[in-house]
Protein backbone atom coordinates (compact mmCIF):
# COMPACT_ATOMS: atom_id res chain seq x y z
CA UNK A 1 50.98 -37.97 -10.61
CA UNK A 2 52.20 -41.33 -9.22
CA UNK A 3 51.10 -44.18 -11.47
CA UNK A 4 51.99 -47.87 -11.26
CA UNK A 5 51.98 -50.01 -14.42
CA UNK A 6 49.54 -52.90 -14.52
CA UNK A 7 48.52 -55.14 -17.38
CA UNK A 8 47.03 -52.88 -20.05
CA UNK A 9 46.83 -49.87 -17.78
CA UNK A 10 47.98 -47.87 -14.76
CA UNK A 11 46.97 -47.52 -11.11
CA UNK A 12 46.97 -44.18 -9.36
CA UNK A 13 48.46 -44.43 -5.87
CA UNK A 14 49.66 -42.29 -2.98
CA UNK A 15 52.14 -42.88 -0.16
CA UNK A 16 51.90 -41.31 3.30
CA UNK A 17 54.32 -41.62 6.22
CA UNK A 18 57.21 -43.96 6.92
CA UNK A 19 57.60 -47.35 8.53
CA UNK A 20 56.35 -50.85 7.74
CA UNK A 21 54.23 -50.81 4.57
CA UNK A 22 50.46 -50.80 5.07
CA UNK A 23 48.09 -51.17 2.13
CA UNK A 24 44.64 -49.62 2.59
CA UNK A 25 42.47 -51.21 -0.08
CA UNK A 26 39.07 -49.62 -0.73
CA UNK A 27 35.75 -51.29 -1.43
CA UNK A 28 33.51 -51.30 -4.48
CA UNK A 29 33.69 -47.51 -4.86
CA UNK A 30 37.33 -48.16 -5.59
CA UNK A 31 38.97 -44.84 -4.74
CA UNK A 32 41.74 -44.46 -2.20
CA UNK A 33 40.19 -41.25 -0.92
CA UNK A 34 37.80 -43.43 1.07
CA UNK A 35 40.61 -43.76 3.62
CA UNK A 36 41.10 -40.04 4.29
CA UNK A 37 39.94 -40.33 7.95
CA UNK A 38 42.70 -42.89 8.56
CA UNK A 39 45.67 -41.27 6.84
CA UNK A 40 46.92 -38.90 9.56
CA UNK A 41 46.79 -41.49 12.34
CA UNK A 42 48.05 -44.49 10.41
CA UNK A 43 50.86 -42.59 8.68
CA UNK A 44 52.39 -41.76 12.07
CA UNK A 45 53.28 -45.44 12.39
CA UNK A 46 53.33 -46.91 8.88
CA UNK A 47 54.19 -46.24 5.27
CA UNK A 48 50.59 -46.07 4.14
CA UNK A 49 49.76 -46.82 0.50
CA UNK A 50 46.35 -46.11 -0.99
CA UNK A 51 45.28 -46.55 -4.60
CA UNK A 52 42.34 -46.23 -6.96
CA UNK A 53 41.15 -49.55 -8.35
CA UNK A 54 41.42 -50.01 -12.08
CA UNK A 55 38.27 -48.53 -13.62
CA UNK A 56 37.83 -45.87 -10.91
CA UNK A 57 39.26 -42.53 -9.85
CA UNK A 58 42.50 -41.60 -11.57
CA UNK A 59 43.40 -45.13 -12.62
CA UNK A 60 42.89 -46.48 -16.13
CA UNK A 61 39.18 -46.80 -16.98
CA UNK A 62 39.41 -50.21 -18.60
CA UNK A 63 36.24 -51.41 -20.32
CA UNK A 64 36.60 -55.10 -19.52
CA UNK A 65 35.24 -57.95 -17.45
CA UNK A 66 36.20 -57.26 -13.84
CA UNK A 67 36.88 -59.92 -11.23
CA UNK A 68 38.35 -60.20 -7.76
CA UNK A 69 41.27 -62.19 -9.18
CA UNK A 70 42.03 -59.31 -11.55
CA UNK A 71 41.74 -56.71 -8.76
CA UNK A 72 44.06 -58.80 -6.59
CA UNK A 73 46.59 -59.11 -9.42
CA UNK A 74 46.53 -55.32 -9.76
CA UNK A 75 47.41 -54.96 -6.07
CA UNK A 76 50.35 -57.35 -6.52
CA UNK A 77 51.49 -55.30 -9.54
CA UNK A 78 51.37 -52.17 -7.38
CA UNK A 79 53.45 -53.91 -4.71
CA UNK A 80 55.97 -54.99 -7.35
CA UNK A 81 56.19 -51.42 -8.67
CA UNK A 82 56.88 -50.15 -5.14
CA UNK A 83 59.34 -53.01 -4.53
CA UNK A 84 57.34 -54.24 -1.55
CA UNK A 85 58.12 -57.85 -0.74
CA UNK A 86 55.44 -57.88 1.95
CA UNK A 87 52.90 -55.55 3.51
CA UNK A 88 50.12 -55.37 6.04
CA UNK A 89 46.72 -55.02 4.38
CA UNK A 90 43.49 -53.42 5.57
CA UNK A 91 40.68 -54.10 3.09
CA UNK A 92 37.18 -52.65 3.16
CA UNK A 93 34.40 -54.85 1.74
CA UNK A 94 35.69 -55.59 -1.79
CA UNK A 95 39.14 -54.75 -0.43
CA UNK A 96 38.57 -57.48 2.14
CA UNK A 97 37.77 -59.91 -0.66
CA UNK A 98 41.06 -58.89 -2.26
CA UNK A 99 42.72 -59.61 1.09
CA UNK A 100 41.14 -63.06 1.22
CA UNK A 101 42.38 -63.77 -2.30
CA UNK A 102 45.94 -62.65 -1.58
CA UNK A 103 45.97 -64.55 1.70
CA UNK A 104 45.20 -67.70 -0.29
CA UNK A 105 47.18 -67.25 -3.52
CA UNK A 106 50.09 -65.03 -2.37
CA UNK A 107 50.51 -65.47 1.39
CA UNK A 108 54.22 -64.70 1.18
CA UNK A 109 53.34 -61.09 0.22
CA UNK A 110 51.11 -60.45 3.27
CA UNK A 111 52.29 -59.73 6.82
CA UNK A 112 48.80 -59.46 8.30
CA UNK A 113 45.27 -58.59 7.26
CA UNK A 114 42.26 -56.69 8.54
CA UNK A 115 39.17 -57.85 6.64
CA UNK A 116 36.71 -55.06 7.33
CA UNK A 117 33.00 -55.26 6.42
CA UNK A 118 33.71 -58.09 3.98
CA UNK A 119 31.84 -61.27 3.11
CA UNK A 120 32.42 -64.91 2.22
CA UNK A 121 30.21 -65.45 -0.82
CA UNK A 122 27.02 -63.92 -2.10
CA UNK A 123 23.89 -65.28 -0.45
CA UNK A 124 20.21 -64.69 -1.29
CA UNK A 125 20.12 -61.33 0.52
CA UNK A 126 23.33 -59.93 -0.91
CA UNK A 127 22.50 -61.25 -4.37
CA UNK A 128 19.25 -59.30 -4.44
CA UNK A 129 20.99 -56.13 -3.28
CA UNK A 130 23.74 -56.37 -5.88
CA UNK A 131 21.37 -57.23 -8.72
CA UNK A 132 19.29 -54.19 -7.78
CA UNK A 133 22.41 -52.03 -7.91
CA UNK A 134 23.22 -53.37 -11.36
CA UNK A 135 19.66 -52.65 -12.50
CA UNK A 136 19.97 -49.02 -11.41
CA UNK A 137 23.01 -48.67 -13.67
CA UNK A 138 20.95 -49.51 -16.76
CA UNK A 139 19.73 -45.90 -16.70
CA UNK A 140 23.15 -44.40 -16.01
CA UNK A 141 25.01 -43.66 -12.80
CA UNK A 142 22.89 -40.94 -11.16
CA UNK A 143 20.35 -43.20 -9.44
CA UNK A 144 23.11 -45.56 -8.31
CA UNK A 145 25.07 -42.71 -6.69
CA UNK A 146 21.90 -41.36 -5.04
CA UNK A 147 21.02 -44.76 -3.54
CA UNK A 148 24.46 -45.99 -2.46
CA UNK A 149 24.80 -44.02 0.81
CA UNK A 150 21.67 -45.73 2.16
CA UNK A 151 23.62 -49.01 2.02
CA UNK A 152 26.85 -47.61 3.45
CA UNK A 153 25.82 -45.32 6.30
CA UNK A 154 23.35 -45.66 9.20
CA UNK A 155 20.12 -43.72 8.85
CA UNK A 156 20.92 -41.55 11.87
CA UNK A 157 24.26 -40.56 10.36
CA UNK A 158 22.67 -39.64 7.04
CA UNK A 159 20.09 -37.51 8.82
CA UNK A 160 22.65 -35.77 11.04
CA UNK A 161 25.33 -35.06 8.40
CA UNK A 162 23.75 -33.43 5.33
CA UNK A 163 26.85 -31.35 4.53
CA UNK A 164 29.18 -34.35 4.73
CA UNK A 165 26.79 -36.32 2.57
CA UNK A 166 26.84 -33.64 -0.14
CA UNK A 167 30.66 -33.71 -0.11
CA UNK A 168 30.72 -37.51 -0.23
CA UNK A 169 28.31 -37.58 -3.15
CA UNK A 170 30.51 -35.10 -5.03
CA UNK A 171 33.64 -37.16 -4.36
CA UNK A 172 31.84 -40.33 -5.45
CA UNK A 173 30.69 -38.72 -8.68
CA UNK A 174 34.20 -37.41 -9.45
CA UNK A 175 35.77 -40.86 -9.18
CA UNK A 176 32.89 -42.90 -10.53
CA UNK A 177 33.38 -45.18 -13.55
CA UNK A 178 31.12 -45.60 -16.54
CA UNK A 179 27.88 -47.50 -15.98
CA UNK A 180 29.28 -50.52 -17.84
CA UNK A 181 32.42 -50.65 -15.67
CA UNK A 182 30.38 -50.23 -12.49
CA UNK A 183 28.00 -53.02 -13.56
CA UNK A 184 30.91 -55.36 -14.30
CA UNK A 185 32.41 -54.59 -10.89
CA UNK A 186 29.06 -55.37 -9.25
CA UNK A 187 29.01 -58.70 -11.08
CA UNK A 188 32.51 -59.42 -9.77
CA UNK A 189 31.10 -59.09 -6.24
CA UNK A 190 28.26 -61.48 -7.06
CA UNK A 191 30.68 -64.03 -8.54
CA UNK A 192 33.26 -63.94 -5.72
CA UNK A 193 33.67 -67.11 -3.65
CA UNK A 194 36.94 -68.06 -1.96
CA UNK A 195 35.19 -69.95 0.83
CA UNK A 196 36.96 -73.25 0.24
CA UNK A 197 40.37 -71.63 0.44
CA UNK A 198 39.85 -69.74 3.69
CA UNK A 199 41.13 -72.63 5.80
CA UNK A 200 44.52 -72.28 4.06
CA UNK A 201 45.08 -68.67 5.17
CA UNK A 202 47.91 -68.60 7.68
CA UNK A 203 48.46 -64.85 8.01
CA UNK A 204 47.49 -63.07 11.24
CA UNK A 205 43.95 -61.90 10.47
CA UNK A 206 41.49 -59.61 12.19
CA UNK A 207 37.92 -59.72 10.88
CA UNK A 208 36.11 -56.48 11.68
CA UNK A 209 32.52 -55.36 11.23
CA UNK A 210 30.02 -52.92 12.73
CA UNK A 211 27.08 -54.59 14.37
CA UNK A 212 24.65 -52.51 12.29
CA UNK A 213 26.29 -53.11 8.91
CA UNK A 214 23.38 -53.54 6.48
CA UNK A 215 25.23 -54.35 3.26
CA UNK A 216 27.55 -57.08 4.59
CA UNK A 217 25.82 -58.14 7.80
CA UNK A 218 27.75 -59.32 10.83
CA UNK A 219 27.08 -62.99 10.08
CA UNK A 220 29.49 -62.77 7.12
CA UNK A 221 32.30 -61.61 9.40
CA UNK A 222 31.44 -64.28 11.96
CA UNK A 223 31.76 -66.89 9.21
CA UNK A 224 35.08 -65.48 8.02
CA UNK A 225 36.44 -65.55 11.57
CA UNK A 226 35.34 -69.19 11.97
CA UNK A 227 36.82 -70.36 8.70
CA UNK A 228 40.20 -68.56 8.82
CA UNK A 229 42.49 -70.39 11.27
CA UNK A 230 43.43 -68.22 14.23
CA UNK A 231 41.44 -65.20 13.05
CA UNK A 232 40.06 -62.79 15.62
CA UNK A 233 36.68 -61.06 15.34
CA UNK A 234 36.28 -57.42 16.34
CA UNK A 235 32.70 -56.11 16.41
CA UNK A 236 32.23 -52.34 16.54
CA UNK A 237 28.91 -51.35 18.04
CA UNK A 238 27.68 -48.93 15.37
CA UNK A 239 28.73 -47.25 12.17
CA UNK A 240 27.23 -49.30 9.37
CA UNK A 241 29.14 -50.50 6.34
CA UNK A 242 31.36 -47.39 6.40
CA UNK A 243 32.22 -47.34 10.10
CA UNK A 244 35.77 -46.15 9.29
CA UNK A 245 34.18 -42.87 8.17
CA UNK A 246 31.29 -42.72 10.63
CA UNK A 247 33.45 -43.38 13.72
CA UNK A 248 37.09 -43.13 12.62
CA UNK A 249 38.48 -42.84 16.15
CA UNK A 250 37.05 -46.20 17.22
CA UNK A 251 37.94 -47.86 13.93
CA UNK A 252 41.50 -46.49 13.87
CA UNK A 253 42.16 -47.59 17.44
CA UNK A 254 40.89 -51.12 16.75
CA UNK A 255 43.06 -51.50 13.63
CA UNK A 256 46.17 -50.12 15.30
CA UNK A 257 45.67 -52.35 18.34
CA UNK A 258 45.60 -55.37 16.06
CA UNK A 259 48.67 -54.28 14.09
CA UNK A 260 50.58 -53.66 17.33
CA UNK A 261 49.65 -57.13 18.55
CA UNK A 262 51.00 -58.60 15.32
CA UNK A 263 54.27 -56.69 15.72
CA UNK A 264 54.56 -57.75 19.37
CA UNK A 265 53.97 -61.38 18.43
CA UNK A 266 56.61 -61.24 15.70
CA UNK A 267 59.14 -59.66 18.08
CA UNK A 268 58.64 -62.37 20.73
CA UNK A 269 58.86 -65.30 18.30
């Protein structure tokens, strides 16, 4: 089982394909399996690396105070282990916050970024949602797991895909941390704010969001695209917070088009 050393623990990771390195960084759920609908297509063009965040999946289940700075440091430790000087990064939600952090504190390690379904800082709406998620965890993880898909997927997709939903719930449960770890990770989302540093990001950046994303509404992505110099905004028409799973063909094409544009720009410069 491939494991990368990090401070006081290990990260589980996988590599797929060959080519320029591409980090696919998952959201709050934390497990690299989130990216399964992307692996076949992306690995035809890139050396794709996925990992389980510390505290989730097959990585070390550290009982600690979690933060986006710590999660970002873990990604850098994984890159060091793999001897990656630089990589492209696609980050979903919390993974997008990790991308923002690395774009500010370690820009020399990033070739380009896709910040997908991410946010700038917690506002009144998002704060209420995340505090409610933390409250559910006070009674264990079952209610949290039952509720989470209603935030991630559109109602029509939930109604039309009962078998997929059962499989997703099982995968979530298998990789889910303790209630205390999950609550600390929720608090890390609430505490995150790199807004003032966004203007310093100089990496090619695509901000991407589905128009019907409930958890991190489109206005967050619009703000990110305004604040990051030169960033482009790609709005997918439907798919909710997990559009990469709901409509992988559209999502995959949008990401690959951006990455190709970055490569073409680098070749012409």
